Amino acid sequence: MTVILITIHIMLAVAMIATVLLQRTDQSSLGGLGGGGGGGGNFMSTRGQANLLSRTTAILFACFCVTSLVLVLMAQPSSNRPRSIADDVNPPAAPAQPAQPAVPLSR
């Protein structure tokens, strides 16, 4: 289940990036480059394309947020208490008694 959800999450991210990159920038400051309208054979007007891409981006963003929240909730441990990294560290072993010399030191 997690693998499927992560795959969907990645596909949503790629689709959202693509829709943001397809959107037009405000070109009025560039002197009107890009030629705005004209040909009667266009499928959608420039305004219609902008509205469609804006709505698509918003829908993809909402789905991306939902999958993010579901992934976070699935990653929670089953116990109710919060966990820490320190919980996984083994306590240090009890210090060993100092080694006794086998032969007493004599002068």
PDB file of N, CA and C in Angstrom:
ATOM      1  N   MET A   1       0.818  -1.189   0.000  1.00  0.00           N
ATOM      2  CA  MET A   1       0.000   0.000   0.000  1.00  0.00           C
ATOM      3  C   MET A   1       0.866   1.259   0.000  1.00  0.00           C
ATOM      4  N   THR A   2       1.928   1.236   0.787  1.00  0.00           N
ATOM      5  CA  THR A   2       2.803   2.400   0.871  1.00  0.00           C
ATOM      6  C   THR A   2       3.497   2.655  -0.459  1.00  0.00           C
ATOM      7  N   VAL A   3       3.930   1.599  -1.121  1.00  0.00           N
ATOM      8  CA  VAL A   3       4.621   1.763  -2.400  1.00  0.00           C
ATOM      9  C   VAL A   3       3.689   2.381  -3.437  1.00  0.00           C
ATOM     10  N   ILE A   4       2.449   1.938  -3.459  1.00  0.00           N
ATOM     11  CA  ILE A   4       1.476   2.486  -4.404  1.00  0.00           C
ATOM     12  C   ILE A   4       1.230   3.963  -4.109  1.00  0.00           C
ATOM     13  N   LEU A   5       1.098   4.294  -2.837  1.00  0.00           N
ATOM     14  CA  LEU A   5       0.840   5.683  -2.454  1.00  0.00           C
ATOM     15  C   LEU A   5       2.033   6.589  -2.761  1.00  0.00           C
ATOM     16  N   ILE A   6       3.236   6.080  -2.556  1.00  0.00           N
ATOM     17  CA  ILE A   6       4.431   6.869  -2.889  1.00  0.00           C
ATOM     18  C   ILE A   6       4.529   7.076  -4.398  1.00  0.00           C
ATOM     19  N   THR A   7       4.182   6.057  -5.175  1.00  0.00           N
ATOM     20  CA  THR A   7       4.192   6.180  -6.631  1.00  0.00           C
ATOM     21  C   THR A   7       3.192   7.238  -7.091  1.00  0.00           C
ATOM     22  N   ILE A   8       2.000   7.220  -6.525  1.00  0.00           N
ATOM     23  CA  ILE A   8       0.990   8.231  -6.859  1.00  0.00           C
ATOM     24  C   ILE A   8       1.485   9.613  -6.454  1.00  0.00           C
ATOM     25  N   HIS A   9       2.117   9.705  -5.294  1.00  0.00           N
ATOM     26  CA  HIS A   9       2.638  10.973  -4.786  1.00  0.00           C
ATOM     27  C   HIS A   9       3.687  11.553  -5.746  1.00  0.00           C
ATOM     28  N   ILE A  10       4.575  10.722  -6.235  1.00  0.00           N
ATOM     29  CA  ILE A  10       5.610  11.172  -7.170  1.00  0.00           C
ATOM     30  C   ILE A  10       4.990  11.593  -8.494  1.00  0.00           C
ATOM     31  N   MET A  11       3.999  10.835  -8.974  1.00  0.00           N
ATOM     32  CA  MET A  11       3.334  11.201 -10.222  1.00  0.00           C
ATOM     33  C   MET A  11       2.604  12.537 -10.086  1.00  0.00           C
ATOM     34  N   LEU A  12       1.988  12.785  -8.937  1.00  0.00           N
ATOM     35  CA  LEU A  12       1.337  14.068  -8.703  1.00  0.00           C
ATOM     36  C   LEU A  12       2.349  15.208  -8.702  1.00  0.00           C
ATOM     37  N   ALA A  13       3.500  14.977  -8.098  1.00  0.00           N
ATOM     38  CA  ALA A  13       4.535  16.013  -8.054  1.00  0.00           C
ATOM     39  C   ALA A  13       5.025  16.349  -9.456  1.00  0.00           C
ATOM     40  N   VAL A  14       5.249  15.346 -10.275  1.00  0.00           N
ATOM     41  CA  VAL A  14       5.720  15.581 -11.643  1.00  0.00           C
ATOM     42  C   VAL A  14       4.644  16.311 -12.454  1.00  0.00           C
ATOM     43  N   ALA A  15       3.392  15.895 -12.299  1.00  0.00           N
ATOM     44  CA  ALA A  15       2.301  16.551 -13.025  1.00  0.00           C
ATOM     45  C   ALA A  15       2.144  18.004 -12.587  1.00  0.00           C
ATOM     46  N   MET A  16       2.301  18.256 -11.294  1.00  0.00           N
ATOM     47  CA  MET A  16       2.174  19.623 -10.803  1.00  0.00           C
ATOM     48  C   MET A  16       3.317  20.494 -11.346  1.00  0.00           C
ATOM     49  N   ILE A  17       4.516  19.964 -11.393  1.00  0.00           N
ATOM     50  CA  ILE A  17       5.646  20.706 -11.951  1.00  0.00           C
ATOM     51  C   ILE A  17       5.387  21.020 -13.424  1.00  0.00           C
ATOM     52  N   ALA A  18       4.868  20.042 -14.161  1.00  0.00           N
ATOM     53  CA  ALA A  18       4.596  20.249 -15.585  1.00  0.00           C
ATOM     54  C   ALA A  18       3.534  21.320 -15.797  1.00  0.00           C
ATOM     55  N   THR A  19       2.465  21.313 -15.000  1.00  0.00           N
ATOM     56  CA  THR A  19       1.417  22.314 -15.192  1.00  0.00           C
ATOM     57  C   THR A  19       1.899  23.711 -14.818  1.00  0.00           C
ATOM     58  N   VAL A  20       2.751  23.810 -13.816  1.00  0.00           N
ATOM     59  CA  VAL A  20       3.286  25.129 -13.461  1.00  0.00           C
ATOM     60  C   VAL A  20       4.185  25.639 -14.583  1.00  0.00           C
ATOM     61  N   LEU A  21       4.981  24.755 -15.168  1.00  0.00           N
ATOM     62  CA  LEU A  21       5.869  25.180 -16.244  1.00  0.00           C
ATOM     63  C   LEU A  21       5.117  25.518 -17.531  1.00  0.00           C
ATOM     64  N   LEU A  22       3.941  24.947 -17.742  1.00  0.00           N
ATOM     65  CA  LEU A  22       3.145  25.241 -18.934  1.00  0.00           C
ATOM     66  C   LEU A  22       2.448  26.586 -18.855  1.00  0.00           C
ATOM     67  N   GLN A  23       2.292  27.128 -17.671  1.00  0.00           N
ATOM     68  CA  GLN A  23       1.578  28.387 -17.525  1.00  0.00           C
ATOM     69  C   GLN A  23       2.387  29.524 -18.116  1.00  0.00           C
ATOM     70  N   ARG A  24       1.680  30.472 -18.696  1.00  0.00           N
ATOM     71  CA  ARG A  24       2.333  31.630 -19.304  1.00  0.00           C
ATOM     72  C   ARG A  24       2.710  32.630 -18.232  1.00  0.00           C
ATOM     73  N   THR A  25       3.767  33.359 -18.514  1.00  0.00           N
ATOM     74  CA  THR A  25       4.140  34.457 -17.640  1.00  0.00           C
ATOM     75  C   THR A  25       3.493  35.731 -18.161  1.00  0.00           C
ATOM     76  N   ASP A  26       3.489  36.756 -17.356  1.00  0.00           N
ATOM     77  CA  ASP A  26       2.952  38.042 -17.787  1.00  0.00           C
ATOM     78  C   ASP A  26       3.965  38.669 -18.734  1.00  0.00           C
ATOM     79  N   GLN A  27       3.615  38.739 -20.012  1.00  0.00           N
ATOM     80  CA  GLN A  27       4.567  39.209 -21.009  1.00  0.00           C
ATOM     81  C   GLN A  27       4.339  40.663 -21.401  1.00  0.00           C
ATOM     82  N   SER A  28       3.449  41.356 -20.705  1.00  0.00           N
ATOM     83  CA  SER A  28       3.220  42.757 -21.065  1.00  0.00           C
ATOM     84  C   SER A  28       4.456  43.595 -20.772  1.00  0.00           C
ATOM     85  N   SER A  29       5.252  43.192 -19.810  1.00  0.00           N
ATOM     86  CA  SER A  29       6.466  43.946 -19.506  1.00  0.00           C
ATOM     87  C   SER A  29       7.571  43.680 -20.527  1.00  0.00           C
ATOM     88  N   LEU A  30       7.396  42.656 -21.360  1.00  0.00           N
ATOM     89  CA  LEU A  30       8.409  42.329 -22.351  1.00  0.00           C
ATOM     90  C   LEU A  30       8.095  42.952 -23.707  1.00  0.00           C
ATOM     91  N   GLY A  31       7.121  43.834 -23.757  1.00  0.00           N
ATOM     92  CA  GLY A  31       6.811  44.492 -25.017  1.00  0.00           C
ATOM     93  C   GLY A  31       5.856  43.704 -25.878  1.00  0.00           C
ATOM     94  N   GLY A  32       5.101  42.795 -25.290  1.00  0.00           N
ATOM     95  CA  GLY A  32       4.095  42.071 -26.054  1.00  0.00           C
ATOM     96  C   GLY A  32       4.651  40.957 -26.908  1.00  0.00           C
ATOM     97  N   LEU A  33       5.786  40.404 -26.579  1.00  0.00           N
ATOM     98  CA  LEU A  33       6.330  39.277 -27.340  1.00  0.00           C
ATOM     99  C   LEU A  33       5.434  38.067 -27.150  1.00  0.00           C
ATOM    100  N   GLY A  34       5.352  37.251 -28.115  1.00  0.00           N
ATOM    101  CA  GLY A  34       4.569  36.042 -27.995  1.00  0.00           C
ATOM    102  C   GLY A  34       3.213  36.148 -28.663  1.00  0.00           C
ATOM    103  N   GLY A  35       2.872  37.207 -29.180  1.00  0.00           N
ATOM    104  CA  GLY A  35       1.695  37.428 -30.002  1.00  0.00           C
ATOM    105  C   GLY A  35       0.381  36.985 -29.423  1.00  0.00           C
ATOM    106  N   GLY A  36      -0.317  37.458 -28.726  1.00  0.00           N
ATOM    107  CA  GLY A  36      -1.506  37.075 -27.996  1.00  0.00           C
ATOM    108  C   GLY A  36      -2.626  36.437 -28.730  1.00  0.00           C
ATOM    109  N   GLY A  37      -3.252  36.727 -29.673  1.00  0.00           N
ATOM    110  CA  GLY A  37      -4.474  36.053 -30.083  1.00  0.00           C
ATOM    111  C   GLY A  37      -4.501  35.872 -31.553  1.00  0.00           C
ATOM    112  N   GLY A  38      -5.550  36.110 -32.158  1.00  0.00           N
ATOM    113  CA  GLY A  38      -5.520  36.056 -33.596  1.00  0.00           C
ATOM    114  C   GLY A  38      -6.184  34.838 -34.130  1.00  0.00           C
ATOM    115  N   GLY A  39      -5.484  33.895 -34.634  1.00  0.00           N
ATOM    116  CA  GLY A  39      -5.978  32.794 -35.427  1.00  0.00           C
ATOM    117  C   GLY A  39      -7.260  32.175 -34.909  1.00  0.00           C
ATOM    118  N   GLY A  40      -8.223  32.032 -35.774  1.00  0.00           N
ATOM    119  CA  GLY A  40      -9.507  31.500 -35.369  1.00  0.00           C
ATOM    120  C   GLY A  40      -9.473  30.010 -35.125  1.00  0.00           C
ATOM    121  N   GLY A  41      -8.405  29.318 -35.429  1.00  0.00           N
ATOM    122  CA  GLY A  41      -8.342  27.882 -35.279  1.00  0.00           C
ATOM    123  C   GLY A  41      -7.864  27.432 -33.915  1.00  0.00           C
ATOM    124  N   ASN A  42      -7.718  28.337 -32.949  1.00  0.00           N
ATOM    125  CA  ASN A  42      -7.251  27.947 -31.615  1.00  0.00           C
ATOM    126  C   ASN A  42      -8.312  27.136 -30.900  1.00  0.00           C
ATOM    127  N   PHE A  43      -7.886  26.128 -30.188  1.00  0.00           N
ATOM    128  CA  PHE A  43      -8.823  25.307 -29.418  1.00  0.00           C
ATOM    129  C   PHE A  43      -9.398  26.094 -28.255  1.00  0.00           C
ATOM    130  N   MET A  44      -8.541  26.789 -27.532  1.00  0.00           N
ATOM    131  CA  MET A  44      -8.972  27.597 -26.398  1.00  0.00           C
ATOM    132  C   MET A  44      -8.287  28.949 -26.484  1.00  0.00           C
ATOM    133  N   SER A  45      -8.937  29.936 -25.941  1.00  0.00           N
ATOM    134  CA  SER A  45      -8.309  31.249 -25.902  1.00  0.00           C
ATOM    135  C   SER A  45      -7.203  31.248 -24.852  1.00  0.00           C
ATOM    136  N   THR A  46      -6.415  32.300 -24.859  1.00  0.00           N
ATOM    137  CA  THR A  46      -5.331  32.401 -23.889  1.00  0.00           C
ATOM    138  C   THR A  46      -5.882  32.448 -22.477  1.00  0.00           C
ATOM    139  N   ARG A  47      -6.997  33.161 -22.298  1.00  0.00           N
ATOM    140  CA  ARG A  47      -7.631  33.265 -20.986  1.00  0.00           C
ATOM    141  C   ARG A  47      -8.164  31.893 -20.540  1.00  0.00           C
ATOM    142  N   GLY A  48      -8.741  31.146 -21.450  1.00  0.00           N
ATOM    143  CA  GLY A  48      -9.258  29.818 -21.128  1.00  0.00           C
ATOM    144  C   GLY A  48      -8.158  28.848 -20.732  1.00  0.00           C
ATOM    145  N   GLN A  49      -7.027  28.938 -21.427  1.00  0.00           N
ATOM    146  CA  GLN A  49      -5.895  28.084 -21.076  1.00  0.00           C
ATOM    147  C   GLN A  49      -5.357  28.432 -19.695  1.00  0.00           C
ATOM    148  N   ALA A  50      -5.295  29.711 -19.388  1.00  0.00           N
ATOM    149  CA  ALA A  50      -4.793  30.128 -18.081  1.00  0.00           C
ATOM    150  C   ALA A  50      -5.714  29.635 -16.976  1.00  0.00           C
ATOM    151  N   ASN A  51      -7.028  29.743 -17.187  1.00  0.00           N
ATOM    152  CA  ASN A  51      -7.983  29.266 -16.181  1.00  0.00           C
ATOM    153  C   ASN A  51      -7.882  27.759 -15.992  1.00  0.00           C
ATOM    154  N   LEU A  52      -7.782  27.027 -17.095  1.00  0.00           N
ATOM    155  CA  LEU A  52      -7.682  25.571 -17.012  1.00  0.00           C
ATOM    156  C   LEU A  52      -6.412  25.150 -16.280  1.00  0.00           C
ATOM    157  N   LEU A  53      -5.287  25.764 -16.622  1.00  0.00           N
ATOM    158  CA  LEU A  53      -4.022  25.397 -15.969  1.00  0.00           C
ATOM    159  C   LEU A  53      -4.022  25.797 -14.492  1.00  0.00           C
ATOM    160  N   SER A  54      -4.631  26.928 -14.157  1.00  0.00           N
ATOM    161  CA  SER A  54      -4.698  27.336 -12.753  1.00  0.00           C
ATOM    162  C   SER A  54      -5.537  26.359 -11.940  1.00  0.00           C
ATOM    163  N   ARG A  55      -6.672  25.960 -12.484  1.00  0.00           N
ATOM    164  CA  ARG A  55      -7.524  24.997 -11.776  1.00  0.00           C
ATOM    165  C   ARG A  55      -6.847  23.636 -11.668  1.00  0.00           C
ATOM    166  N   THR A  56      -6.184  23.219 -12.733  1.00  0.00           N
ATOM    167  CA  THR A  56      -5.481  21.936 -12.705  1.00  0.00           C
ATOM    168  C   THR A  56      -4.377  21.953 -11.658  1.00  0.00           C
ATOM    169  N   THR A  57      -3.648  23.045 -11.583  1.00  0.00           N
ATOM    170  CA  THR A  57      -2.581  23.170 -10.590  1.00  0.00           C
ATOM    171  C   THR A  57      -3.159  23.107  -9.179  1.00  0.00           C
ATOM    172  N   ALA A  58      -4.280  23.784  -8.953  1.00  0.00           N
ATOM    173  CA  ALA A  58      -4.898  23.781  -7.624  1.00  0.00           C
ATOM    174  C   ALA A  58      -5.386  22.385  -7.242  1.00  0.00           C
ATOM    175  N   ILE A  59      -5.972  21.666  -8.186  1.00  0.00           N
ATOM    176  CA  ILE A  59      -6.457  20.306  -7.905  1.00  0.00           C
ATOM    177  C   ILE A  59      -5.279  19.374  -7.622  1.00  0.00           C
ATOM    178  N   LEU A  60      -4.226  19.473  -8.436  1.00  0.00           N
ATOM    179  CA  LEU A  60      -3.044  18.628  -8.208  1.00  0.00           C
ATOM    180  C   LEU A  60      -2.400  18.938  -6.868  1.00  0.00           C
ATOM    181  N   PHE A  61      -2.373  20.226  -6.492  1.00  0.00           N
ATOM    182  CA  PHE A  61      -1.802  20.599  -5.206  1.00  0.00           C
ATOM    183  C   PHE A  61      -2.620  20.017  -4.056  1.00  0.00           C
ATOM    184  N   ALA A  62      -3.942  20.062  -4.164  1.00  0.00           N
ATOM    185  CA  ALA A  62      -4.792  19.499  -3.112  1.00  0.00           C
ATOM    186  C   ALA A  62      -4.566  17.991  -2.976  1.00  0.00           C
ATOM    187  N   CYS A  63      -4.489  17.300  -4.103  1.00  0.00           N
ATOM    188  CA  CYS A  63      -4.232  15.851  -4.064  1.00  0.00           C
ATOM    189  C   CYS A  63      -2.847  15.557  -3.497  1.00  0.00           C
ATOM    190  N   PHE A  64      -1.865  16.384  -3.841  1.00  0.00           N
ATOM    191  CA  PHE A  64      -0.509  16.216  -3.319  1.00  0.00           C
ATOM    192  C   PHE A  64      -0.493  16.375  -1.798  1.00  0.00           C
ATOM    193  N   CYS A  65      -1.238  17.363  -1.289  1.00  0.00           N
ATOM    194  CA  CYS A  65      -1.300  17.563   0.164  1.00  0.00           C
ATOM    195  C   CYS A  65      -1.973  16.385   0.855  1.00  0.00           C
ATOM    196  N   VAL A  66      -3.033  15.859   0.259  1.00  0.00           N
ATOM    197  CA  VAL A  66      -3.727  14.713   0.851  1.00  0.00           C
ATOM    198  C   VAL A  66      -2.807  13.500   0.906  1.00  0.00           C
ATOM    199  N   THR A  67      -2.104  13.213  -0.194  1.00  0.00           N
ATOM    200  CA  THR A  67      -1.198  12.056  -0.173  1.00  0.00           C
ATOM    201  C   THR A  67      -0.050  12.280   0.816  1.00  0.00           C
ATOM    202  N   SER A  68       0.400  13.516   0.963  1.00  0.00           N
ATOM    203  CA  SER A  68       1.453  13.803   1.950  1.00  0.00           C
ATOM    204  C   SER A  68       0.970  13.494   3.362  1.00  0.00           C
ATOM    205  N   LEU A  69      -0.233  13.954   3.681  1.00  0.00           N
ATOM    206  CA  LEU A  69      -0.774  13.697   5.018  1.00  0.00           C
ATOM    207  C   LEU A  69      -1.001  12.214   5.269  1.00  0.00           C
ATOM    208  N   VAL A  70      -1.493  11.505   4.270  1.00  0.00           N
ATOM    209  CA  VAL A  70      -1.724  10.060   4.443  1.00  0.00           C
ATOM    210  C   VAL A  70      -0.397   9.342   4.650  1.00  0.00           C
ATOM    211  N   LEU A  71       0.641   9.729   3.906  1.00  0.00           N
ATOM    212  CA  LEU A  71       1.952   9.098   4.090  1.00  0.00           C
ATOM    213  C   LEU A  71       2.519   9.373   5.476  1.00  0.00           C
ATOM    214  N   VAL A  72       2.308  10.574   5.986  1.00  0.00           N
ATOM    215  CA  VAL A  72       2.783  10.897   7.339  1.00  0.00           C
ATOM    216  C   VAL A  72       2.041  10.057   8.369  1.00  0.00           C
ATOM    217  N   LEU A  73       0.746   9.930   8.205  1.00  0.00           N
ATOM    218  CA  LEU A  73      -0.032   9.139   9.164  1.00  0.00           C
ATOM    219  C   LEU A  73       0.325   7.659   9.103  1.00  0.00           C
ATOM    220  N   MET A  74       0.660   7.174   7.921  1.00  0.00           N
ATOM    221  CA  MET A  74       1.051   5.763   7.791  1.00  0.00           C
ATOM    222  C   MET A  74       2.430   5.512   8.380  1.00  0.00           C
ATOM    223  N   ALA A  75       3.263   6.528   8.448  1.00  0.00           N
ATOM    224  CA  ALA A  75       4.619   6.356   8.970  1.00  0.00           C
ATOM    225  C   ALA A  75       4.662   6.387  10.493  1.00  0.00           C
ATOM    226  N   GLN A  76       3.566   6.778  11.140  1.00  0.00           N
ATOM    227  CA  GLN A  76       3.522   6.839  12.595  1.00  0.00           C
ATOM    228  C   GLN A  76       3.664   5.433  13.169  1.00  0.00           C
ATOM    229  N   PRO A  77       4.392   5.294  14.266  1.00  0.00           N
ATOM    230  CA  PRO A  77       4.474   3.980  14.906  1.00  0.00           C
ATOM    231  C   PRO A  77       3.119   3.593  15.494  1.00  0.00           C
ATOM    232  N   SER A  78       2.922   2.299  15.685  1.00  0.00           N
ATOM    233  CA  SER A  78       1.625   1.828  16.152  1.00  0.00           C
ATOM    234  C   SER A  78       1.372   2.167  17.618  1.00  0.00           C
ATOM    235  N   SER A  79       2.407   2.349  18.398  1.00  0.00           N
ATOM    236  CA  SER A  79       2.195   2.685  19.804  1.00  0.00           C
ATOM    237  C   SER A  79       1.829   4.155  19.928  1.00  0.00           C
ATOM    238  N   ASN A  80       1.200   4.491  21.019  1.00  0.00           N
ATOM    239  CA  ASN A  80       0.727   5.855  21.203  1.00  0.00           C
ATOM    240  C   ASN A  80       1.786   6.798  21.747  1.00  0.00           C
ATOM    241  N   ARG A  81       2.819   6.266  22.366  1.00  0.00           N
ATOM    242  CA  ARG A  81       3.809   7.148  22.951  1.00  0.00           C
ATOM    243  C   ARG A  81       4.786   7.608  21.870  1.00  0.00           C
ATOM    244  N   PRO A  82       5.262   8.833  21.995  1.00  0.00           N
ATOM    245  CA  PRO A  82       6.236   9.316  21.014  1.00  0.00           C
ATOM    246  C   PRO A  82       7.568   8.586  21.153  1.00  0.00           C
ATOM    247  N   ARG A  83       8.229   8.401  20.032  1.00  0.00           N
ATOM    248  CA  ARG A  83       9.515   7.710  20.038  1.00  0.00           C
ATOM    249  C   ARG A  83      10.637   8.711  19.813  1.00  0.00           C
ATOM    250  N   SER A  84      11.791   8.322  20.252  1.00  0.00           N
ATOM    251  CA  SER A  84      12.971   9.153  20.085  1.00  0.00           C
ATOM    252  C   SER A  84      14.093   8.302  19.514  1.00  0.00           C
ATOM    253  N   ILE A  85      15.055   8.958  18.918  1.00  0.00           N
ATOM    254  CA  ILE A  85      16.226   8.234  18.416  1.00  0.00           C
ATOM    255  C   ILE A  85      16.972   7.596  19.574  1.00  0.00           C
ATOM    256  N   ALA A  86      16.932   8.233  20.733  1.00  0.00           N
ATOM    257  CA  ALA A  86      17.644   7.718  21.895  1.00  0.00           C
ATOM    258  C   ALA A  86      17.070   6.384  22.376  1.00  0.00           C
ATOM    259  N   ASP A  87      15.824   6.062  21.994  1.00  0.00           N
ATOM    260  CA  ASP A  87      15.234   4.788  22.381  1.00  0.00           C
ATOM    261  C   ASP A  87      15.948   3.613  21.732  1.00  0.00           C
ATOM    262  N   ASP A  88      16.564   3.838  20.586  1.00  0.00           N
ATOM    263  CA  ASP A  88      17.222   2.756  19.857  1.00  0.00           C
ATOM    264  C   ASP A  88      18.670   2.541  20.273  1.00  0.00           C
ATOM    265  N   VAL A  89      19.216   3.437  21.061  1.00  0.00           N
ATOM    266  CA  VAL A  89      20.614   3.326  21.474  1.00  0.00           C
ATOM    267  C   VAL A  89      20.714   2.363  22.649  1.00  0.00           C
ATOM    268  N   ASN A  90      21.642   1.422  22.564  1.00  0.00           N
ATOM    269  CA  ASN A  90      21.849   0.477  23.661  1.00  0.00           C
ATOM    270  C   ASN A  90      22.588   1.183  24.790  1.00  0.00           C
ATOM    271  N   PRO A  91      22.207   0.911  26.032  1.00  0.00           N
ATOM    272  CA  PRO A  91      22.929   1.545  27.141  1.00  0.00           C
ATOM    273  C   PRO A  91      24.362   0.999  27.207  1.00  0.00           C
ATOM    274  N   PRO A  92      25.284   1.810  27.688  1.00  0.00           N
ATOM    275  CA  PRO A  92      26.668   1.322  27.763  1.00  0.00           C
ATOM    276  C   PRO A  92      26.771   0.180  28.773  1.00  0.00           C
ATOM    277  N   ALA A  93      27.669  -0.720  28.488  1.00  0.00           N
ATOM    278  CA  ALA A  93      27.879  -1.865  29.378  1.00  0.00           C
ATOM    279  C   ALA A  93      28.449  -1.374  30.708  1.00  0.00           C
ATOM    280  N   ALA A  94      28.187  -2.144  31.758  1.00  0.00           N
ATOM    281  CA  ALA A  94      28.704  -1.773  33.077  1.00  0.00           C
ATOM    282  C   ALA A  94      30.228  -1.784  33.025  1.00  0.00           C
ATOM    283  N   PRO A  95      30.852  -0.805  33.647  1.00  0.00           N
ATOM    284  CA  PRO A  95      32.316  -0.777  33.593  1.00  0.00           C
ATOM    285  C   PRO A  95      32.898  -2.004  34.286  1.00  0.00           C
ATOM    286  N   ALA A  96      33.847  -2.595  33.628  1.00  0.00           N
ATOM    287  CA  ALA A  96      34.508  -3.769  34.198  1.00  0.00           C
ATOM    288  C   ALA A  96      35.430  -3.318  35.323  1.00  0.00           C
ATOM    289  N   GLN A  97      35.636  -4.230  36.277  1.00  0.00           N
ATOM    290  CA  GLN A  97      36.546  -3.888  37.371  1.00  0.00           C
ATOM    291  C   GLN A  97      37.958  -3.825  36.823  1.00  0.00           C
ATOM    292  N   PRO A  98      38.739  -2.931  37.392  1.00  0.00           N
ATOM    293  CA  PRO A  98      40.108  -2.822  36.876  1.00  0.00           C
ATOM    294  C   PRO A  98      40.844  -4.153  37.025  1.00  0.00           C
ATOM    295  N   ALA A  99      41.662  -4.420  36.037  1.00  0.00           N
ATOM    296  CA  ALA A  99      42.415  -5.679  36.036  1.00  0.00           C
ATOM    297  C   ALA A  99      43.437  -5.676  37.169  1.00  0.00           C
ATOM    298  N   GLN A 100      43.498  -6.783  37.891  1.00  0.00           N
ATOM    299  CA  GLN A 100      44.479  -6.929  38.975  1.00  0.00           C
ATOM    300  C   GLN A 100      45.754  -7.524  38.373  1.00  0.00           C
ATOM    301  N   PRO A 101      46.878  -6.965  38.717  1.00  0.00           N
ATOM    302  CA  PRO A 101      48.106  -7.560  38.185  1.00  0.00           C
ATOM    303  C   PRO A 101      48.261  -8.991  38.713  1.00  0.00           C
ATOM    304  N   ALA A 102      48.720  -9.870  37.853  1.00  0.00           N
ATOM    305  CA  ALA A 102      48.896 -11.261  38.216  1.00  0.00           C
ATOM    306  C   ALA A 102      50.022 -11.420  39.226  1.00  0.00           C
ATOM    307  N   VAL A 103      51.031 -10.627  39.108  1.00  0.00           N
ATOM    308  CA  VAL A 103      52.179 -10.707  40.004  1.00  0.00           C
ATOM    309  C   VAL A 103      52.268  -9.381  40.738  1.00  0.00           C
ATOM    310  N   PRO A 104      52.384  -9.437  42.065  1.00  0.00           N
ATOM    311  CA  PRO A 104      52.514  -8.175  42.782  1.00  0.00           C
ATOM    312  C   PRO A 104      53.802  -7.465  42.418  1.00  0.00           C
ATOM    313  N   LEU A 105      53.717  -6.183  42.334  1.00  0.00           N
ATOM    314  CA  LEU A 105      54.891  -5.394  42.001  1.00  0.00           C
ATOM    315  C   LEU A 105      55.813  -5.316  43.228  1.00  0.00           C
ATOM    316  N   SER A 106      57.060  -5.606  43.031  1.00  0.00           N
ATOM    317  CA  SER A 106      58.021  -5.521  44.124  1.00  0.00           C
ATOM    318  C   SER A 106      59.195  -4.678  43.668  1.00  0.00           C
ATOM    319  N   ARG A 107      59.889  -4.141  44.665  1.00  0.00           N
ATOM    320  CA  ARG A 107      61.027  -3.311  44.335  1.00  0.00           C
ATOM    321  C   ARG A 107      62.300  -4.017  44.549  1.00  0.00           C
TER     322      ARG A 107
END
